Amino acid sequence: MGREDLYMNIIEKLKYLSETVAVAGFEKDAAEKVADLFKGYSAHVEVDRFFNVRCLKKGTDEKAKKLMITAHLDEIGFLVRSIDDKGFIGIVNVGGIDSKILLAQEVVIHGKQNITGIIGATPPHLLKAEDAGKALKISDLYVDTGYGGEELKKLVSVGDTVSFKSKVSVMNDSKASGKAFDNRASVVCLLEILEILKDFNHENDIIFVASTQEETSMVGVKTASYALLPDAAIVIDTCHGDIPDLSKDCSSTPGKGPEISIGPNLHPGMVNKMFELGKEYSIPCQKMVEAGDTGTEAWATQVSRTGIPTALLSVPVRYMHTAVETVSIEDIKYTARLAAEFAKISSIQLEKLA
């Protein structure tokens, strides 16, 4: 497969998964779609009661160790909290969303049918001087669908989910922009790892988990890691891509490979092995120091049951938690390759690392 074919393959998967809606806590439909993609690589695929998608790729060792590779499939979004008589919808956020990005944003309300709406903003001509430049609270915003209240209430109910309306755009052939790349870019990594390993006879059992509710409570990975009790885990998530005025201490450069985190949340043996593999296979990597909570599923996975040795690989994404998250296709490829090379190591090697 040539470079252009690989790029298109990854971009098509990104488009498909980005345009799938999975607001945290409401992932059932997305889980079924991801399960179908996993079934192309394994007969051992299941969706659990929290809608985590598990895919087992069996190893050749009868006393195989278990390596879990996880990436969350949920996304930030909203719930309908009110509908007034004029048809304006009040919303509440699910996950961390900065209200400054929301004015004049297009969204989709997922009621009895999908309805497009816009988050309204008072025109600057009508703002009072003391209100100009103020950031509004999400509770002050409303969604306008064009429907009147009576008609809208037949289609939309309090508690329905609301997602960003955003199409994936390809930028300069090597980057893509769209919604929910945090963390669908990493779910694409899981699929790419499966593709790399499809004809490789690895010793360890590898369990791929597309987990749920990371944006709110991490309950998906908590339950999955408790149930599976792997011998080691690789968490794949996104990190902040560099932008003007953002410190290099908290961001990484898109196109230069995955960020490998170092700190008390991560297992030193696994981290060192990641850097060794990166050097051995000429896979570019970036280093990030995390002195405490990484803000990812690694934090929950590490302390499951009696503890799971954990490593964290992060794909740099610019403009995180917006409708225009931007990722380098190269970084998805590099991250998948690095995780796949780690998955190929022997049971004895994995036991010594962990």
Protein backbone atom coordinates (compact mmCIF):
# COMPACT_ATOMS: atom_id res chain seq x y z
CA MET A 1 0.00 0.00 0.00
CA GLY A 2 1.48 3.34 -1.06
CA ARG A 3 1.68 6.50 1.04
CA GLU A 4 -1.35 8.10 -0.68
CA ASP A 5 -3.44 4.93 -0.26
CA LEU A 6 -2.53 4.74 3.43
CA TYR A 7 -3.43 8.39 3.93
CA MET A 8 -6.81 7.96 2.26
CA ASN A 9 -7.47 4.79 4.24
CA ILE A 10 -6.86 6.63 7.52
CA ILE A 11 -8.79 9.73 6.43
CA GLU A 12 -11.80 7.66 5.39
CA LYS A 13 -11.83 5.95 8.78
CA LEU A 14 -11.52 9.34 10.48
CA LYS A 15 -14.45 10.69 8.48
CA TYR A 16 -16.62 7.69 9.24
CA LEU A 17 -15.88 7.75 12.96
CA SER A 18 -15.95 11.54 13.33
CA GLU A 19 -19.39 11.77 11.76
CA THR A 20 -20.64 9.06 14.13
CA VAL A 21 -22.21 10.58 17.24
CA ALA A 22 -21.27 9.29 20.70
CA VAL A 23 -21.86 11.94 23.34
CA ALA A 24 -20.48 10.54 26.61
CA GLY A 25 -23.02 8.22 28.20
CA PHE A 26 -24.90 7.72 24.91
CA GLU A 27 -22.48 5.58 22.89
CA LYS A 28 -24.65 2.59 21.93
CA ASP A 29 -24.92 3.32 18.19
CA ALA A 30 -21.24 4.23 17.87
CA ALA A 31 -20.23 1.11 19.79
CA GLU A 32 -22.09 -1.07 17.29
CA LYS A 33 -20.31 0.63 14.38
CA VAL A 34 -16.90 0.22 16.00
CA ALA A 35 -17.70 -3.43 16.78
CA ASP A 36 -18.46 -4.03 13.10
CA LEU A 37 -15.06 -2.55 12.16
CA PHE A 38 -13.30 -4.75 14.73
CA LYS A 39 -15.05 -7.85 13.37
CA GLY A 40 -13.01 -7.44 10.20
CA TYR A 41 -9.99 -8.55 12.27
CA SER A 42 -11.30 -10.92 14.93
CA ALA A 43 -14.20 -13.25 15.69
CA HIS A 44 -13.87 -12.37 19.36
CA VAL A 45 -15.69 -9.02 19.53
CA GLU A 46 -18.28 -8.00 22.09
CA VAL A 47 -20.03 -4.90 23.42
CA ASP A 48 -20.42 -4.90 27.20
CA ARG A 49 -23.18 -3.37 29.34
CA PHE A 50 -21.38 0.01 29.40
CA PHE A 51 -21.00 -0.12 25.59
CA ASN A 52 -17.25 -0.66 25.75
CA VAL A 53 -16.22 -2.53 22.61
CA ARG A 54 -13.75 -5.37 23.26
CA CYS A 55 -11.78 -7.14 20.55
CA LEU A 56 -9.51 -10.08 21.41
CA LYS A 57 -6.63 -11.04 19.12
CA LYS A 58 -5.37 -14.35 20.47
CA GLY A 59 -1.67 -15.00 21.00
CA THR A 60 0.29 -18.15 20.23
CA ASP A 61 1.57 -18.71 23.79
CA GLU A 62 -0.58 -21.14 25.80
CA LYS A 63 0.42 -19.22 28.93
CA ALA A 64 0.03 -15.89 27.20
CA LYS A 65 0.15 -12.58 28.99
CA LYS A 66 -2.65 -10.11 28.33
CA LEU A 67 -1.93 -6.69 26.86
CA MET A 68 -4.83 -4.23 26.76
CA ILE A 69 -4.74 -1.37 24.25
CA THR A 70 -7.49 1.15 24.86
CA ALA A 71 -8.83 4.36 23.34
CA HIS A 72 -12.07 6.05 24.33
CA LEU A 73 -14.77 6.45 21.68
CA ASP A 74 -17.02 9.02 23.37
CA GLU A 75 -17.09 12.74 22.65
CA ILE A 76 -18.08 15.99 24.31
CA GLY A 77 -21.55 17.34 23.57
CA PHE A 78 -24.73 18.58 25.19
CA LEU A 79 -28.11 17.56 26.52
CA VAL A 80 -31.37 19.41 26.01
CA ARG A 81 -32.33 20.92 29.39
CA SER A 82 -35.35 23.01 28.32
CA ILE A 83 -37.60 23.95 25.39
CA ASP A 84 -39.52 27.21 25.63
CA ASP A 85 -42.80 28.11 23.96
CA LYS A 86 -41.03 29.97 21.14
CA GLY A 87 -38.90 26.92 20.30
CA PHE A 88 -35.60 28.00 21.83
CA ILE A 89 -33.66 25.08 23.33
CA GLY A 90 -31.58 25.42 26.49
CA ILE A 91 -28.56 23.11 26.72
CA VAL A 92 -26.14 21.76 29.30
CA ASN A 93 -22.66 20.54 28.43
CA VAL A 94 -21.47 16.94 28.70
CA GLY A 95 -17.70 17.09 29.19
CA GLY A 96 -15.45 20.14 29.17
CA ILE A 97 -16.53 22.81 26.68
CA ASP A 98 -15.43 26.45 26.60
CA SER A 99 -18.51 28.63 26.06
CA LYS A 100 -16.42 31.11 24.02
CA ILE A 101 -16.31 28.71 21.07
CA LEU A 102 -20.06 28.14 20.93
CA LEU A 103 -21.59 31.37 19.67
CA ALA A 104 -22.99 30.92 16.12
CA GLN A 105 -21.95 27.24 16.14
CA GLU A 106 -24.01 24.70 14.20
CA VAL A 107 -25.26 21.69 16.16
CA VAL A 108 -27.51 18.69 15.63
CA ILE A 109 -30.27 17.78 18.07
CA HIS A 110 -30.84 14.02 18.14
CA GLY A 111 -34.55 13.74 18.91
CA LYS A 112 -37.13 11.65 17.12
CA GLN A 113 -35.25 12.82 14.05
CA ASN A 114 -32.00 14.73 13.63
CA ILE A 115 -32.61 18.47 13.56
CA THR A 116 -29.99 21.07 12.70
CA GLY A 117 -29.81 24.13 14.90
CA ILE A 118 -27.58 27.10 15.60
CA ILE A 119 -26.41 28.43 18.94
CA GLY A 120 -27.73 31.96 18.89
CA ALA A 121 -25.81 35.10 19.74
CA THR A 122 -27.02 38.62 20.41
CA PRO A 123 -25.79 40.87 17.56
CA PRO A 124 -23.04 43.29 18.67
CA HIS A 125 -25.28 46.25 17.69
CA LEU A 126 -27.69 45.31 20.48
CA LEU A 127 -25.22 44.56 23.24
CA LYS A 128 -24.96 46.88 26.20
CA ALA A 129 -21.50 48.39 26.60
CA GLU A 130 -20.92 46.57 29.89
CA ASP A 131 -21.76 43.21 28.24
CA ALA A 132 -19.47 43.56 25.22
CA GLY A 133 -16.54 41.18 25.43
CA LYS A 134 -18.02 39.11 28.25
CA ALA A 135 -17.91 35.34 27.95
CA LEU A 136 -21.39 33.90 28.29
CA LYS A 137 -22.15 30.84 30.38
CA ILE A 138 -23.50 27.80 28.54
CA SER A 139 -26.65 28.17 30.64
CA ASP A 140 -27.15 31.60 28.99
CA LEU A 141 -27.04 30.16 25.44
CA TYR A 142 -29.88 28.74 23.38
CA VAL A 143 -30.30 26.69 20.22
CA ASP A 144 -32.56 27.96 17.42
CA THR A 145 -33.87 25.27 15.05
CA GLY A 146 -36.36 27.40 13.14
CA TYR A 147 -39.25 25.41 14.65
CA GLY A 148 -41.90 26.94 16.86
CA GLY A 149 -42.29 25.59 20.39
CA GLU A 150 -45.40 23.44 19.85
CA GLU A 151 -44.03 21.79 16.71
CA LEU A 152 -40.54 21.32 18.18
CA LYS A 153 -41.79 19.62 21.34
CA LYS A 154 -43.26 16.85 19.15
CA LEU A 155 -39.76 16.10 17.86
CA VAL A 156 -37.40 16.95 20.70
CA SER A 157 -37.53 16.10 24.40
CA VAL A 158 -35.61 17.25 27.44
CA GLY A 159 -32.64 14.88 27.81
CA ASP A 160 -32.01 14.40 24.06
CA THR A 161 -28.37 14.61 23.01
CA VAL A 162 -26.89 17.47 21.01
CA SER A 163 -23.65 17.22 19.03
CA PHE A 164 -21.49 19.56 17.00
CA LYS A 165 -22.28 19.63 13.29
CA SER A 166 -18.94 19.34 11.53
CA LYS A 167 -17.60 17.68 8.40
CA VAL A 168 -14.04 16.42 8.14
CA SER A 169 -11.81 18.63 6.00
CA VAL A 170 -8.45 17.58 4.56
CA MET A 171 -5.73 20.21 4.94
CA ASN A 172 -2.56 20.26 2.86
CA ASP A 173 -3.09 16.55 2.07
CA SER A 174 -1.48 15.46 5.35
CA LYS A 175 -3.79 16.87 8.03
CA ALA A 176 -7.48 16.62 8.78
CA SER A 177 -9.88 18.79 10.75
CA GLY A 178 -13.24 17.86 12.27
CA LYS A 179 -15.14 17.06 15.44
CA ALA A 180 -14.43 14.32 17.99
CA PHE A 181 -10.84 13.61 16.88
CA ASP A 182 -10.45 13.46 20.65
CA ASN A 183 -10.55 10.53 20.64
CA ARG A 184 -11.65 9.01 17.32
CA ALA A 185 -8.12 9.60 16.01
CA SER A 186 -7.00 7.05 18.61
CA VAL A 187 -9.79 4.62 17.71
CA VAL A 188 -8.39 4.80 14.17
CA CYS A 189 -5.02 3.92 15.76
CA LEU A 190 -6.60 0.75 17.19
CA LEU A 191 -7.79 -0.22 13.71
CA GLU A 192 -4.38 0.51 12.23
CA ILE A 193 -2.69 -1.63 14.90
CA LEU A 194 -5.04 -4.48 14.04
CA GLU A 195 -4.16 -4.02 10.38
CA ILE A 196 -0.42 -4.15 11.13
CA LEU A 197 -0.81 -7.28 13.28
CA LYS A 198 -3.33 -9.17 11.16
CA ASP A 199 -0.73 -11.58 9.76
CA PHE A 200 1.70 -11.52 12.69
CA ASN A 201 1.85 -14.41 15.16
CA HIS A 202 2.39 -12.57 18.45
CA GLU A 203 2.74 -14.51 21.71
CA ASN A 204 0.55 -12.38 23.97
CA ASP A 205 -3.22 -12.05 23.91
CA ILE A 206 -4.00 -8.50 22.82
CA ILE A 207 -7.31 -7.00 23.90
CA PHE A 208 -8.40 -3.85 22.10
CA VAL A 209 -10.93 -1.73 23.97
CA ALA A 210 -12.86 1.21 22.57
CA SER A 211 -14.09 2.58 25.87
CA THR A 212 -16.88 4.91 26.94
CA GLN A 213 -17.57 7.93 29.15
CA GLU A 214 -13.97 9.11 29.39
CA GLU A 215 -15.08 12.71 28.99
CA THR A 216 -17.16 12.55 32.17
CA SER A 217 -16.19 9.78 34.59
CA MET A 218 -13.89 7.22 32.89
CA VAL A 219 -16.40 4.58 33.95
CA GLY A 220 -15.85 2.65 30.71
CA VAL A 221 -12.16 1.95 31.18
CA LYS A 222 -12.63 1.45 34.92
CA THR A 223 -15.08 -1.39 34.34
CA ALA A 224 -13.21 -2.83 31.34
CA SER A 225 -9.80 -2.94 33.02
CA TYR A 226 -11.34 -4.41 36.19
CA ALA A 227 -13.10 -7.15 34.19
CA LEU A 228 -10.16 -7.97 31.90
CA LEU A 229 -7.31 -7.63 34.43
CA PRO A 230 -4.55 -7.32 31.81
CA ASP A 231 -0.89 -7.78 32.66
CA ALA A 232 -0.09 -4.43 31.05
CA ALA A 233 -1.97 -1.66 29.26
CA ILE A 234 -1.33 0.94 26.60
CA VAL A 235 -3.69 3.91 26.68
CA ILE A 236 -3.94 5.89 23.44
CA ASP A 237 -5.41 9.37 23.69
CA THR A 238 -4.84 12.83 22.28
CA CYS A 239 -2.73 15.68 23.64
CA HIS A 240 -2.52 19.38 22.89
CA GLY A 241 -0.90 20.20 19.57
CA ASP A 242 1.24 23.32 19.55
CA ILE A 243 -0.35 26.65 18.66
CA PRO A 244 0.94 30.24 19.01
CA ASP A 245 1.42 31.35 22.62
CA LEU A 246 0.94 27.82 24.01
CA SER A 247 3.90 26.68 26.10
CA LYS A 248 6.00 23.79 24.83
CA ASP A 249 5.76 22.37 28.35
CA CYS A 250 2.13 21.43 27.71
CA SER A 251 2.02 20.81 23.94
CA SER A 252 3.61 18.70 21.21
CA THR A 253 4.18 19.33 17.51
CA PRO A 254 1.84 17.65 15.00
CA GLY A 255 3.72 15.52 12.47
CA LYS A 256 6.56 14.60 14.83
CA GLY A 257 5.06 11.43 16.25
CA PRO A 258 3.20 10.44 19.39
CA GLU A 259 3.81 12.02 22.74
CA ILE A 260 5.12 9.47 25.26
CA SER A 261 4.33 10.53 28.81
CA ILE A 262 6.78 10.15 31.69
CA GLY A 263 5.69 10.39 35.31
CA PRO A 264 4.25 8.53 38.30
CA ASN A 265 1.11 7.56 36.39
CA LEU A 266 3.20 5.60 33.86
CA HIS A 267 5.32 2.47 34.25
CA PRO A 268 9.04 3.25 33.73
CA GLY A 269 9.82 -0.11 32.12
CA MET A 270 7.10 0.28 29.54
CA VAL A 271 7.99 3.91 28.88
CA ASN A 272 11.65 3.08 28.32
CA LYS A 273 10.70 0.24 25.97
CA MET A 274 8.54 2.63 23.93
CA PHE A 275 11.49 4.96 23.40
CA GLU A 276 13.77 2.00 22.54
CA LEU A 277 11.29 0.76 19.93
CA GLY A 278 10.91 4.24 18.50
CA LYS A 279 14.66 4.45 18.01
CA GLU A 280 14.97 0.89 16.67
CA TYR A 281 12.23 1.32 14.05
CA SER A 282 12.84 5.00 13.27
CA ILE A 283 9.45 6.04 14.63
CA PRO A 284 9.57 9.68 15.74
CA CYS A 285 8.39 10.26 19.32
CA GLN A 286 7.97 13.25 21.60
CA LYS A 287 8.48 13.37 25.35
CA MET A 288 6.05 14.84 27.89
CA VAL A 289 6.58 15.08 31.62
CA GLU A 290 3.40 14.48 33.65
CA ALA A 291 4.05 15.06 37.35
CA GLY A 292 0.60 13.85 38.44
CA ASP A 293 -2.77 13.02 36.92
CA THR A 294 -2.41 12.78 33.13
CA GLY A 295 -6.11 13.56 32.67
CA THR A 296 -6.46 10.37 30.64
CA GLU A 297 -7.62 6.80 31.10
CA ALA A 298 -4.10 5.90 32.19
CA TRP A 299 -4.96 7.41 35.58
CA ALA A 300 -7.87 4.99 36.09
CA THR A 301 -6.24 1.97 34.45
CA GLN A 302 -3.07 2.10 36.54
CA VAL A 303 -4.93 1.53 39.84
CA SER A 304 -7.49 -1.03 38.70
CA ARG A 305 -7.66 -4.00 41.10
CA THR A 306 -4.11 -4.59 42.33
CA GLY A 307 -2.60 -2.28 39.72
CA ILE A 308 -1.84 -2.50 35.99
CA PRO A 309 1.49 -1.34 34.51
CA THR A 310 0.44 1.34 32.03
CA ALA A 311 1.95 3.44 29.24
CA LEU A 312 0.35 6.45 27.56
CA LEU A 313 0.74 7.37 23.89
CA SER A 314 -0.90 10.61 22.79
CA VAL A 315 -1.67 11.91 19.30
CA PRO A 316 -1.15 15.69 19.08
CA VAL A 317 -4.43 17.47 18.26
CA ARG A 318 -4.83 21.20 17.84
CA TYR A 319 -7.96 23.05 19.05
CA MET A 320 -9.09 20.22 21.32
CA HIS A 321 -12.75 20.14 22.42
CA THR A 322 -13.92 22.20 19.47
CA ALA A 323 -15.61 21.33 16.18
CA VAL A 324 -12.36 21.86 14.25
CA GLU A 325 -9.90 19.58 16.02
CA THR A 326 -6.89 19.13 13.74
CA VAL A 327 -4.61 16.11 13.48
CA SER A 328 -1.67 14.96 11.37
CA ILE A 329 -2.28 11.69 9.53
CA GLU A 330 1.42 10.90 10.02
CA ASP A 331 0.95 10.92 13.80
CA ILE A 332 -1.86 8.37 13.64
CA LYS A 333 0.40 6.15 11.53
CA TYR A 334 3.39 6.60 13.85
CA THR A 335 1.34 5.96 17.00
CA ALA A 336 -0.18 2.78 15.60
CA ARG A 337 3.23 1.51 14.45
CA LEU A 338 4.81 2.11 17.86
CA ALA A 339 2.00 0.39 19.77
CA ALA A 340 2.06 -2.51 17.29
CA GLU A 341 5.81 -3.04 17.73
CA PHE A 342 5.31 -3.11 21.50
CA ALA A 343 2.49 -5.65 21.05
CA LYS A 344 4.89 -7.93 19.17
CA ILE A 345 7.27 -8.40 22.11
CA SER A 346 7.40 -11.81 23.79
CA SER A 347 5.56 -12.90 26.92
CA ILE A 348 8.88 -13.05 28.79
CA GLN A 349 9.78 -9.50 27.73
CA LEU A 350 6.38 -8.20 28.80
CA GLU A 351 6.64 -9.97 32.15
CA LYS A 352 10.06 -8.40 32.81
CA LEU A 353 8.81 -4.92 31.85
CA ALA A 354 5.76 -5.13 34.06
